[in-house]
Amino acid sequence: MSIPPERIYGLGTGPKVEVLKQLQSKPEHSGLTLHFVEDRLATLKNVIKEPHLDKWNLYLGTWGYNTPSEREEANTISRINLVDLHDFCAKLNIVPTLLLFTYKERFLS
């Protein structure tokens, strides 16, 4: 899987809530099902506070920077779905080690 650099939104892009608003307002995204996978529960809670972002399907990546208690809490929030690395990669049709390598290569180098 190859993702063009202009389609990767990272730390320098701006606050995630604002980036999601910008992405959903693009005409080419009209009518699409929108998915946001995040590893911080606090960020997902911020998204939920924004009524304009109700169209987004929200996922907490269980392999990321969150604790078992945060995952338990997320499980009680109806808008948030937990997704583990294996299922996430299966949906993208990629091998988990490739995803982690790509992430490490792009963001940790």
PDB file of N, CA and C in Angstrom:
ATOM      1  N   MET A   1       0.839  -1.163   0.000  1.00  0.00           N
ATOM      2  CA  MET A   1       0.000   0.000   0.000  1.00  0.00           C
ATOM      3  C   MET A   1       0.885   1.227   0.000  1.00  0.00           C
ATOM      4  N   SER A   2       0.576   2.159  -0.849  1.00  0.00           N
ATOM      5  CA  SER A   2       1.336   3.394  -0.934  1.00  0.00           C
ATOM      6  C   SER A   2       0.404   4.574  -0.691  1.00  0.00           C
ATOM      7  N   ILE A   3       0.792   5.425   0.244  1.00  0.00           N
ATOM      8  CA  ILE A   3      -0.008   6.613   0.559  1.00  0.00           C
ATOM      9  C   ILE A   3       0.796   7.838   0.143  1.00  0.00           C
ATOM     10  N   PRO A   4       0.245   8.657  -0.755  1.00  0.00           N
ATOM     11  CA  PRO A   4       0.974   9.854  -1.178  1.00  0.00           C
ATOM     12  C   PRO A   4       1.227  10.777   0.021  1.00  0.00           C
ATOM     13  N   PRO A   5       2.387  11.386   0.091  1.00  0.00           N
ATOM     14  CA  PRO A   5       2.730  12.250   1.231  1.00  0.00           C
ATOM     15  C   PRO A   5       1.694  13.341   1.515  1.00  0.00           C
ATOM     16  N   GLU A   6       1.062  13.872   0.483  1.00  0.00           N
ATOM     17  CA  GLU A   6       0.083  14.947   0.701  1.00  0.00           C
ATOM     18  C   GLU A   6      -1.202  14.430   1.344  1.00  0.00           C
ATOM     19  N   ARG A   7      -1.348  13.116   1.459  1.00  0.00           N
ATOM     20  CA  ARG A   7      -2.535  12.511   2.082  1.00  0.00           C
ATOM     21  C   ARG A   7      -2.249  12.051   3.504  1.00  0.00           C
ATOM     22  N   ILE A   8      -1.042  12.337   4.012  1.00  0.00           N
ATOM     23  CA  ILE A   8      -0.671  11.987   5.376  1.00  0.00           C
ATOM     24  C   ILE A   8      -0.729  13.255   6.215  1.00  0.00           C
ATOM     25  N   TYR A   9      -1.504  13.195   7.278  1.00  0.00           N
ATOM     26  CA  TYR A   9      -1.662  14.349   8.156  1.00  0.00           C
ATOM     27  C   TYR A   9      -0.990  14.023   9.474  1.00  0.00           C
ATOM     28  N   GLY A  10       0.048  14.785   9.807  1.00  0.00           N
ATOM     29  CA  GLY A  10       0.840  14.510  10.994  1.00  0.00           C
ATOM     30  C   GLY A  10       0.833  15.670  11.966  1.00  0.00           C
ATOM     31  N   LEU A  11       1.808  15.661  12.846  1.00  0.00           N
ATOM     32  CA  LEU A  11       1.876  16.642  13.926  1.00  0.00           C
ATOM     33  C   LEU A  11       1.867  18.085  13.438  1.00  0.00           C
ATOM     34  N   GLY A  12       2.500  18.379  12.328  1.00  0.00           N
ATOM     35  CA  GLY A  12       2.586  19.748  11.844  1.00  0.00           C
ATOM     36  C   GLY A  12       1.360  20.236  11.100  1.00  0.00           C
ATOM     37  N   THR A  13       0.358  19.386  10.951  1.00  0.00           N
ATOM     38  CA  THR A  13      -0.826  19.728  10.165  1.00  0.00           C
ATOM     39  C   THR A  13      -1.778  20.645  10.916  1.00  0.00           C
ATOM     40  N   GLY A  14      -1.775  20.583  12.230  1.00  0.00           N
ATOM     41  CA  GLY A  14      -2.676  21.380  13.054  1.00  0.00           C
ATOM     42  C   GLY A  14      -3.445  20.487  14.006  1.00  0.00           C
ATOM     43  N   PRO A  15      -4.289  21.105  14.864  1.00  0.00           N
ATOM     44  CA  PRO A  15      -5.095  20.310  15.793  1.00  0.00           C
ATOM     45  C   PRO A  15      -5.978  19.323  15.028  1.00  0.00           C
ATOM     46  N   LYS A  16      -6.065  18.115  15.536  1.00  0.00           N
ATOM     47  CA  LYS A  16      -6.774  17.062  14.817  1.00  0.00           C
ATOM     48  C   LYS A  16      -8.235  17.397  14.573  1.00  0.00           C
ATOM     49  N   VAL A  17      -8.888  18.012  15.538  1.00  0.00           N
ATOM     50  CA  VAL A  17     -10.296  18.388  15.355  1.00  0.00           C
ATOM     51  C   VAL A  17     -10.432  19.321  14.154  1.00  0.00           C
ATOM     52  N   GLU A  18      -9.523  20.267  14.020  1.00  0.00           N
ATOM     53  CA  GLU A  18      -9.575  21.207  12.903  1.00  0.00           C
ATOM     54  C   GLU A  18      -9.266  20.514  11.574  1.00  0.00           C
ATOM     55  N   VAL A  19      -8.327  19.582  11.600  1.00  0.00           N
ATOM     56  CA  VAL A  19      -7.986  18.836  10.384  1.00  0.00           C
ATOM     57  C   VAL A  19      -9.197  18.025   9.920  1.00  0.00           C
ATOM     58  N   LEU A  20      -9.903  17.387  10.858  1.00  0.00           N
ATOM     59  CA  LEU A  20     -11.090  16.619  10.486  1.00  0.00           C
ATOM     60  C   LEU A  20     -12.164  17.515   9.871  1.00  0.00           C
ATOM     61  N   LYS A  21     -12.348  18.696  10.437  1.00  0.00           N
ATOM     62  CA  LYS A  21     -13.316  19.654   9.871  1.00  0.00           C
ATOM     63  C   LYS A  21     -12.926  20.025   8.442  1.00  0.00           C
ATOM     64  N   GLN A  22     -11.643  20.283   8.229  1.00  0.00           N
ATOM     65  CA  GLN A  22     -11.168  20.644   6.887  1.00  0.00           C
ATOM     66  C   GLN A  22     -11.374  19.493   5.904  1.00  0.00           C
ATOM     67  N   LEU A  23     -11.044  18.294   6.331  1.00  0.00           N
ATOM     68  CA  LEU A  23     -11.169  17.137   5.451  1.00  0.00           C
ATOM     69  C   LEU A  23     -12.619  16.884   5.046  1.00  0.00           C
ATOM     70  N   GLN A  24     -13.528  16.978   6.005  1.00  0.00           N
ATOM     71  CA  GLN A  24     -14.926  16.688   5.675  1.00  0.00           C
ATOM     72  C   GLN A  24     -15.563  17.796   4.846  1.00  0.00           C
ATOM     73  N   SER A  25     -14.981  18.974   4.853  1.00  0.00           N
ATOM     74  CA  SER A  25     -15.555  20.075   4.067  1.00  0.00           C
ATOM     75  C   SER A  25     -15.098  20.063   2.610  1.00  0.00           C
ATOM     76  N   LYS A  26     -14.127  19.211   2.278  1.00  0.00           N
ATOM     77  CA  LYS A  26     -13.647  19.150   0.891  1.00  0.00           C
ATOM     78  C   LYS A  26     -14.722  18.527  -0.001  1.00  0.00           C
ATOM     79  N   PRO A  27     -14.997  19.151  -1.135  1.00  0.00           N
ATOM     80  CA  PRO A  27     -16.038  18.625  -2.031  1.00  0.00           C
ATOM     81  C   PRO A  27     -15.815  17.168  -2.435  1.00  0.00           C
ATOM     82  N   GLU A  28     -14.562  16.761  -2.598  1.00  0.00           N
ATOM     83  CA  GLU A  28     -14.286  15.386  -3.020  1.00  0.00           C
ATOM     84  C   GLU A  28     -14.609  14.359  -1.938  1.00  0.00           C
ATOM     85  N   HIS A  29     -14.856  14.821  -0.710  1.00  0.00           N
ATOM     86  CA  HIS A  29     -15.203  13.909   0.375  1.00  0.00           C
ATOM     87  C   HIS A  29     -16.706  13.867   0.630  1.00  0.00           C
ATOM     88  N   SER A  30     -17.456  14.662  -0.086  1.00  0.00           N
ATOM     89  CA  SER A  30     -18.906  14.707   0.078  1.00  0.00           C
ATOM     90  C   SER A  30     -19.512  13.337  -0.213  1.00  0.00           C
ATOM     91  N   GLY A  31     -20.345  12.856   0.708  1.00  0.00           N
ATOM     92  CA  GLY A  31     -21.020  11.584   0.529  1.00  0.00           C
ATOM     93  C   GLY A  31     -20.204  10.366   0.927  1.00  0.00           C
ATOM     94  N   LEU A  32     -18.934  10.566   1.282  1.00  0.00           N
ATOM     95  CA  LEU A  32     -18.090   9.440   1.687  1.00  0.00           C
ATOM     96  C   LEU A  32     -18.339   9.077   3.148  1.00  0.00           C
ATOM     97  N   THR A  33     -18.074   7.826   3.494  1.00  0.00           N
ATOM     98  CA  THR A  33     -18.066   7.412   4.893  1.00  0.00           C
ATOM     99  C   THR A  33     -16.710   7.790   5.455  1.00  0.00           C
ATOM    100  N   LEU A  34     -16.696   8.534   6.550  1.00  0.00           N
ATOM    101  CA  LEU A  34     -15.454   9.062   7.114  1.00  0.00           C
ATOM    102  C   LEU A  34     -15.051   8.255   8.347  1.00  0.00           C
ATOM    103  N   HIS A  35     -13.768   7.904   8.421  1.00  0.00           N
ATOM    104  CA  HIS A  35     -13.242   7.105   9.523  1.00  0.00           C
ATOM    105  C   HIS A  35     -12.021   7.798  10.109  1.00  0.00           C
ATOM    106  N   PHE A  36     -11.972   7.860  11.445  1.00  0.00           N
ATOM    107  CA  PHE A  36     -10.831   8.456  12.141  1.00  0.00           C
ATOM    108  C   PHE A  36     -10.314   7.446  13.158  1.00  0.00           C
ATOM    109  N   VAL A  37      -9.080   6.982  12.944  1.00  0.00           N
ATOM    110  CA  VAL A  37      -8.437   6.049  13.863  1.00  0.00           C
ATOM    111  C   VAL A  37      -7.408   6.832  14.660  1.00  0.00           C
ATOM    112  N   GLU A  38      -7.518   6.753  15.976  1.00  0.00           N
ATOM    113  CA  GLU A  38      -6.687   7.543  16.875  1.00  0.00           C
ATOM    114  C   GLU A  38      -6.227   6.649  18.019  1.00  0.00           C
ATOM    115  N   ASP A  39      -5.084   6.953  18.594  1.00  0.00           N
ATOM    116  CA  ASP A  39      -4.610   6.144  19.718  1.00  0.00           C
ATOM    117  C   ASP A  39      -4.726   6.872  21.060  1.00  0.00           C
ATOM    118  N   ARG A  40      -5.307   8.062  21.048  1.00  0.00           N
ATOM    119  CA  ARG A  40      -5.512   8.807  22.303  1.00  0.00           C
ATOM    120  C   ARG A  40      -7.000   9.013  22.528  1.00  0.00           C
ATOM    121  N   LEU A  41      -7.493   8.501  23.651  1.00  0.00           N
ATOM    122  CA  LEU A  41      -8.905   8.632  23.994  1.00  0.00           C
ATOM    123  C   LEU A  41      -9.301  10.095  24.140  1.00  0.00           C
ATOM    124  N   ALA A  42      -8.446  10.916  24.729  1.00  0.00           N
ATOM    125  CA  ALA A  42      -8.761  12.336  24.919  1.00  0.00           C
ATOM    126  C   ALA A  42      -9.059  13.024  23.581  1.00  0.00           C
ATOM    127  N   THR A  43      -8.322  12.682  22.550  1.00  0.00           N
ATOM    128  CA  THR A  43      -8.553  13.271  21.231  1.00  0.00           C
ATOM    129  C   THR A  43      -9.921  12.871  20.701  1.00  0.00           C
ATOM    130  N   LEU A  44     -10.286  11.598  20.847  1.00  0.00           N
ATOM    131  CA  LEU A  44     -11.594  11.142  20.381  1.00  0.00           C
ATOM    132  C   LEU A  44     -12.724  11.830  21.146  1.00  0.00           C
ATOM    133  N   LYS A  45     -12.524  12.051  22.429  1.00  0.00           N
ATOM    134  CA  LYS A  45     -13.531  12.771  23.224  1.00  0.00           C
ATOM    135  C   LYS A  45     -13.684  14.206  22.717  1.00  0.00           C
ATOM    136  N   ASN A  46     -12.587  14.833  22.321  1.00  0.00           N
ATOM    137  CA  ASN A  46     -12.662  16.181  21.750  1.00  0.00           C
ATOM    138  C   ASN A  46     -13.443  16.192  20.448  1.00  0.00           C
ATOM    139  N   VAL A  47     -13.284  15.159  19.645  1.00  0.00           N
ATOM    140  CA  VAL A  47     -14.029  15.052  18.389  1.00  0.00           C
ATOM    141  C   VAL A  47     -15.523  14.933  18.689  1.00  0.00           C
ATOM    142  N   ILE A  48     -15.868  14.145  19.693  1.00  0.00           N
ATOM    143  CA  ILE A  48     -17.278  13.942  20.054  1.00  0.00           C
ATOM    144  C   ILE A  48     -17.921  15.252  20.507  1.00  0.00           C
ATOM    145  N   LYS A  49     -17.158  16.131  21.131  1.00  0.00           N
ATOM    146  CA  LYS A  49     -17.685  17.421  21.608  1.00  0.00           C
ATOM    147  C   LYS A  49     -18.074  18.362  20.470  1.00  0.00           C
ATOM    148  N   GLU A  50     -17.584  18.084  19.272  1.00  0.00           N
ATOM    149  CA  GLU A  50     -17.832  18.945  18.118  1.00  0.00           C
ATOM    150  C   GLU A  50     -19.003  18.410  17.290  1.00  0.00           C
ATOM    151  N   PRO A  51     -20.180  19.054  17.362  1.00  0.00           N
ATOM    152  CA  PRO A  51     -21.349  18.562  16.613  1.00  0.00           C
ATOM    153  C   PRO A  51     -21.101  18.468  15.112  1.00  0.00           C
ATOM    154  N   HIS A  52     -20.245  19.317  14.574  1.00  0.00           N
ATOM    155  CA  HIS A  52     -19.970  19.299  13.141  1.00  0.00           C
ATOM    156  C   HIS A  52     -19.219  18.038  12.704  1.00  0.00           C
ATOM    157  N   LEU A  53     -18.706  17.285  13.677  1.00  0.00           N
ATOM    158  CA  LEU A  53     -17.935  16.091  13.347  1.00  0.00           C
ATOM    159  C   LEU A  53     -18.715  14.799  13.607  1.00  0.00           C
ATOM    160  N   ASP A  54     -20.036  14.908  13.690  1.00  0.00           N
ATOM    161  CA  ASP A  54     -20.877  13.732  13.963  1.00  0.00           C
ATOM    162  C   ASP A  54     -20.840  12.693  12.854  1.00  0.00           C
ATOM    163  N   LYS A  55     -20.399  13.076  11.662  1.00  0.00           N
ATOM    164  CA  LYS A  55     -20.373  12.144  10.533  1.00  0.00           C
ATOM    165  C   LYS A  55     -19.214  11.151  10.612  1.00  0.00           C
ATOM    166  N   TRP A  56     -18.234  11.438  11.455  1.00  0.00           N
ATOM    167  CA  TRP A  56     -17.034  10.597  11.520  1.00  0.00           C
ATOM    168  C   TRP A  56     -17.281   9.341  12.343  1.00  0.00           C
ATOM    169  N   ASN A  57     -16.844   8.193  11.824  1.00  0.00           N
ATOM    170  CA  ASN A  57     -16.780   6.959  12.599  1.00  0.00           C
ATOM    171  C   ASN A  57     -15.457   7.007  13.356  1.00  0.00           C
ATOM    172  N   LEU A  58     -15.511   6.782  14.657  1.00  0.00           N
ATOM    173  CA  LEU A  58     -14.330   6.938  15.504  1.00  0.00           C
ATOM    174  C   LEU A  58     -13.827   5.592  16.008  1.00  0.00           C
ATOM    175  N   TYR A  59     -12.517   5.431  15.986  1.00  0.00           N
ATOM    176  CA  TYR A  59     -11.880   4.193  16.415  1.00  0.00           C
ATOM    177  C   TYR A  59     -10.701   4.504  17.324  1.00  0.00           C
ATOM    178  N   LEU A  60     -10.607   3.759  18.419  1.00  0.00           N
ATOM    179  CA  LEU A  60      -9.434   3.840  19.279  1.00  0.00           C
ATOM    180  C   LEU A  60      -8.539   2.656  18.944  1.00  0.00           C
ATOM    181  N   GLY A  61      -7.333   2.953  18.445  1.00  0.00           N
ATOM    182  CA  GLY A  61      -6.360   1.907  18.133  1.00  0.00           C
ATOM    183  C   GLY A  61      -5.787   1.347  19.413  1.00  0.00           C
ATOM    184  N   THR A  62      -6.031   0.078  19.677  1.00  0.00           N
ATOM    185  CA  THR A  62      -5.630  -0.515  20.952  1.00  0.00           C
ATOM    186  C   THR A  62      -4.126  -0.745  21.058  1.00  0.00           C
ATOM    187  N   TRP A  63      -3.399  -0.571  19.962  1.00  0.00           N
ATOM    188  CA  TRP A  63      -1.951  -0.779  19.990  1.00  0.00           C
ATOM    189  C   TRP A  63      -1.209   0.514  20.295  1.00  0.00           C
ATOM    190  N   GLY A  64      -1.908   1.602  20.454  1.00  0.00           N
ATOM    191  CA  GLY A  64      -1.276   2.910  20.590  1.00  0.00           C
ATOM    192  C   GLY A  64      -1.051   3.346  22.022  1.00  0.00           C
ATOM    193  N   TYR A  65      -0.981   4.652  22.181  1.00  0.00           N
ATOM    194  CA  TYR A  65      -0.683   5.261  23.474  1.00  0.00           C
ATOM    195  C   TYR A  65      -1.947   5.374  24.308  1.00  0.00           C
ATOM    196  N   ASN A  66      -2.460   4.248  24.769  1.00  0.00           N
ATOM    197  CA  ASN A  66      -3.594   4.266  25.681  1.00  0.00           C
ATOM    198  C   ASN A  66      -3.446   3.103  26.657  1.00  0.00           C
ATOM    199  N   THR A  67      -4.159   3.199  27.739  1.00  0.00           N
ATOM    200  CA  THR A  67      -4.049   2.216  28.817  1.00  0.00           C
ATOM    201  C   THR A  67      -5.260   1.290  28.806  1.00  0.00           C
ATOM    202  N   PRO A  68      -5.169   0.171  29.511  1.00  0.00           N
ATOM    203  CA  PRO A  68      -6.338  -0.708  29.614  1.00  0.00           C
ATOM    204  C   PRO A  68      -7.564   0.017  30.174  1.00  0.00           C
ATOM    205  N   SER A  69      -7.380   0.894  31.147  1.00  0.00           N
ATOM    206  CA  SER A  69      -8.540   1.611  31.701  1.00  0.00           C
ATOM    207  C   SER A  69      -9.137   2.580  30.670  1.00  0.00           C
ATOM    208  N   GLU A  70      -8.308   3.185  29.828  1.00  0.00           N
ATOM    209  CA  GLU A  70      -8.831   4.054  28.769  1.00  0.00           C
ATOM    210  C   GLU A  70      -9.604   3.233  27.732  1.00  0.00           C
ATOM    211  N   ARG A  71      -9.109   2.047  27.430  1.00  0.00           N
ATOM    212  CA  ARG A  71      -9.824   1.181  26.492  1.00  0.00           C
ATOM    213  C   ARG A  71     -11.169   0.746  27.074  1.00  0.00           C
ATOM    214  N   GLU A  72     -11.196   0.467  28.376  1.00  0.00           N
ATOM    215  CA  GLU A  72     -12.462   0.122  29.037  1.00  0.00           C
ATOM    216  C   GLU A  72     -13.432   1.293  28.965  1.00  0.00           C
ATOM    217  N   GLU A  73     -12.933   2.490  29.230  1.00  0.00           N
ATOM    218  CA  GLU A  73     -13.788   3.678  29.151  1.00  0.00           C
ATOM    219  C   GLU A  73     -14.300   3.881  27.731  1.00  0.00           C
ATOM    220  N   ALA A  74     -13.425   3.737  26.763  1.00  0.00           N
ATOM    221  CA  ALA A  74     -13.826   3.906  25.360  1.00  0.00           C
ATOM    222  C   ALA A  74     -14.925   2.924  24.992  1.00  0.00           C
ATOM    223  N   ASN A  75     -14.868   1.745  25.552  1.00  0.00           N
ATOM    224  CA  ASN A  75     -15.873   0.716  25.286  1.00  0.00           C
ATOM    225  C   ASN A  75     -17.260   1.138  25.765  1.00  0.00           C
ATOM    226  N   THR A  76     -17.333   2.096  26.666  1.00  0.00           N
ATOM    227  CA  THR A  76     -18.622   2.563  27.189  1.00  0.00           C
ATOM    228  C   THR A  76     -19.171   3.753  26.396  1.00  0.00           C
ATOM    229  N   ILE A  77     -18.399   4.256  25.456  1.00  0.00           N
ATOM    230  CA  ILE A  77     -18.804   5.419  24.656  1.00  0.00           C
ATOM    231  C   ILE A  77     -19.300   4.916  23.302  1.00  0.00           C
ATOM    232  N   SER A  78     -20.561   5.156  23.013  1.00  0.00           N
ATOM    233  CA  SER A  78     -21.183   4.543  21.835  1.00  0.00           C
ATOM    234  C   SER A  78     -20.544   4.947  20.510  1.00  0.00           C
ATOM    235  N   ARG A  79     -19.985   6.124  20.417  1.00  0.00           N
ATOM    236  CA  ARG A  79     -19.390   6.566  19.148  1.00  0.00           C
ATOM    237  C   ARG A  79     -18.008   5.991  18.882  1.00  0.00           C
ATOM    238  N   ILE A  80     -17.398   5.416  19.891  1.00  0.00           N
ATOM    239  CA  ILE A  80     -16.021   4.928  19.749  1.00  0.00           C
ATOM    240  C   ILE A  80     -16.007   3.407  19.650  1.00  0.00           C
ATOM    241  N   ASN A  81     -15.323   2.926  18.612  1.00  0.00           N
ATOM    242  CA  ASN A  81     -15.106   1.495  18.430  1.00  0.00           C
ATOM    243  C   ASN A  81     -13.638   1.193  18.679  1.00  0.00           C
ATOM    244  N   LEU A  82     -13.367   0.103  19.363  1.00  0.00           N
ATOM    245  CA  LEU A  82     -11.983  -0.323  19.556  1.00  0.00           C
ATOM    246  C   LEU A  82     -11.553  -1.123  18.332  1.00  0.00           C
ATOM    247  N   VAL A  83     -10.325  -0.901  17.901  1.00  0.00           N
ATOM    248  CA  VAL A  83      -9.787  -1.669  16.780  1.00  0.00           C
ATOM    249  C   VAL A  83      -8.361  -2.080  17.130  1.00  0.00           C
ATOM    250  N   ASP A  84      -8.086  -3.378  16.973  1.00  0.00           N
ATOM    251  CA  ASP A  84      -6.722  -3.828  17.232  1.00  0.00           C
ATOM    252  C   ASP A  84      -5.932  -3.794  15.923  1.00  0.00           C
ATOM    253  N   LEU A  85      -4.642  -3.934  16.033  1.00  0.00           N
ATOM    254  CA  LEU A  85      -3.761  -3.785  14.877  1.00  0.00           C
ATOM    255  C   LEU A  85      -4.064  -4.817  13.791  1.00  0.00           C
ATOM    256  N   HIS A  86      -4.330  -6.040  14.189  1.00  0.00           N
ATOM    257  CA  HIS A  86      -4.605  -7.096  13.207  1.00  0.00           C
ATOM    258  C   HIS A  86      -5.851  -6.752  12.387  1.00  0.00           C
ATOM    259  N   ASP A  87      -6.943  -6.355  13.055  1.00  0.00           N
ATOM    260  CA  ASP A  87      -8.179  -6.014  12.335  1.00  0.00           C
ATOM    261  C   ASP A  87      -8.008  -4.768  11.476  1.00  0.00           C
ATOM    262  N   PHE A  88      -7.279  -3.799  11.990  1.00  0.00           N
ATOM    263  CA  PHE A  88      -7.028  -2.578  11.230  1.00  0.00           C
ATOM    264  C   PHE A  88      -6.281  -2.899   9.937  1.00  0.00           C
ATOM    265  N   CYS A  89      -5.245  -3.701  10.060  1.00  0.00           N
ATOM    266  CA  CYS A  89      -4.451  -4.064   8.882  1.00  0.00           C
ATOM    267  C   CYS A  89      -5.256  -4.920   7.912  1.00  0.00           C
ATOM    268  N   ALA A  90      -6.109  -5.784   8.447  1.00  0.00           N
ATOM    269  CA  ALA A  90      -6.943  -6.618   7.585  1.00  0.00           C
ATOM    270  C   ALA A  90      -7.883  -5.748   6.754  1.00  0.00           C
ATOM    271  N   LYS A  91      -8.438  -4.709   7.371  1.00  0.00           N
ATOM    272  CA  LYS A  91      -9.321  -3.806   6.633  1.00  0.00           C
ATOM    273  C   LYS A  91      -8.572  -3.074   5.518  1.00  0.00           C
ATOM    274  N   LEU A  92      -7.294  -2.802   5.751  1.00  0.00           N
ATOM    275  CA  LEU A  92      -6.470  -2.122   4.748  1.00  0.00           C
ATOM    276  C   LEU A  92      -5.766  -3.106   3.821  1.00  0.00           C
ATOM    277  N   ASN A  93      -5.901  -4.388   4.130  1.00  0.00           N
ATOM    278  CA  ASN A  93      -5.274  -5.441   3.337  1.00  0.00           C
ATOM    279  C   ASN A  93      -3.750  -5.309   3.317  1.00  0.00           C
ATOM    280  N   ILE A  94      -3.176  -5.059   4.516  1.00  0.00           N
ATOM    281  CA  ILE A  94      -1.722  -4.967   4.640  1.00  0.00           C
ATOM    282  C   ILE A  94      -1.247  -5.840   5.795  1.00  0.00           C
ATOM    283  N   VAL A  95       0.049  -6.108   5.827  1.00  0.00           N
ATOM    284  CA  VAL A  95       0.659  -6.897   6.892  1.00  0.00           C
ATOM    285  C   VAL A  95       1.017  -5.946   8.028  1.00  0.00           C
ATOM    286  N   PRO A  96       0.657  -6.283   9.294  1.00  0.00           N
ATOM    287  CA  PRO A  96       0.929  -5.381  10.420  1.00  0.00           C
ATOM    288  C   PRO A  96       2.366  -4.898  10.508  1.00  0.00           C
ATOM    289  N   THR A  97       3.345  -5.752  10.246  1.00  0.00           N
ATOM    290  CA  THR A  97       4.743  -5.313  10.364  1.00  0.00           C
ATOM    291  C   THR A  97       5.073  -4.244   9.327  1.00  0.00           C
ATOM    292  N   LEU A  98       4.442  -4.305   8.160  1.00  0.00           N
ATOM    293  CA  LEU A  98       4.662  -3.287   7.134  1.00  0.00           C
ATOM    294  C   LEU A  98       4.147  -1.936   7.616  1.00  0.00           C
ATOM    295  N   LEU A  99       2.975  -1.929   8.239  1.00  0.00           N
ATOM    296  CA  LEU A  99       2.398  -0.690   8.744  1.00  0.00           C
ATOM    297  C   LEU A  99       3.316  -0.073   9.801  1.00  0.00           C
ATOM    298  N   LEU A 100       3.767  -0.878  10.742  1.00  0.00           N
ATOM    299  CA  LEU A 100       4.631  -0.354  11.800  1.00  0.00           C
ATOM    300  C   LEU A 100       5.953   0.133  11.236  1.00  0.00           C
ATOM    301  N   PHE A 101       6.501  -0.576  10.286  1.00  0.00           N
ATOM    302  CA  PHE A 101       7.751  -0.146   9.672  1.00  0.00           C
ATOM    303  C   PHE A 101       7.553   1.188   8.963  1.00  0.00           C
ATOM    304  N   THR A 102       6.486   1.312   8.206  1.00  0.00           N
ATOM    305  CA  THR A 102       6.213   2.548   7.480  1.00  0.00           C
ATOM    306  C   THR A 102       6.032   3.694   8.459  1.00  0.00           C
ATOM    307  N   TYR A 103       5.290   3.457   9.546  1.00  0.00           N
ATOM    308  CA  TYR A 103       5.077   4.484  10.552  1.00  0.00           C
ATOM    309  C   TYR A 103       6.418   4.909  11.144  1.00  0.00           C
ATOM    310  N   LYS A 104       7.218   3.936  11.530  1.00  0.00           N
ATOM    311  CA  LYS A 104       8.512   4.236  12.129  1.00  0.00           C
ATOM    312  C   LYS A 104       9.408   4.987  11.143  1.00  0.00           C
ATOM    313  N   GLU A 105       9.384   4.551   9.895  1.00  0.00           N
ATOM    314  CA  GLU A 105      10.232   5.164   8.894  1.00  0.00           C
ATOM    315  C   GLU A 105       9.839   6.611   8.643  1.00  0.00           C
ATOM    316  N   ARG A 106       8.554   6.883   8.566  1.00  0.00           N
ATOM    317  CA  ARG A 106       8.075   8.231   8.239  1.00  0.00           C
ATOM    318  C   ARG A 106       8.140   9.194   9.416  1.00  0.00           C
ATOM    319  N   PHE A 107       7.812   8.687  10.608  1.00  0.00           N
ATOM    320  CA  PHE A 107       7.601   9.599  11.714  1.00  0.00           C
ATOM    321  C   PHE A 107       8.677   9.549  12.795  1.00  0.00           C
ATOM    322  N   LEU A 108       9.465   8.507  12.814  1.00  0.00           N
ATOM    323  CA  LEU A 108      10.443   8.396  13.891  1.00  0.00           C
ATOM    324  C   LEU A 108      11.869   8.558  13.399  1.00  0.00           C
ATOM    325  N   SER A 109      12.042   8.721  12.100  1.00  0.00           N
ATOM    326  CA  SER A 109      13.400   8.863  11.563  1.00  0.00           C
ATOM    327  C   SER A 109      13.940  10.247  11.840  1.00  0.00           C
TER     328      SER A 109
END
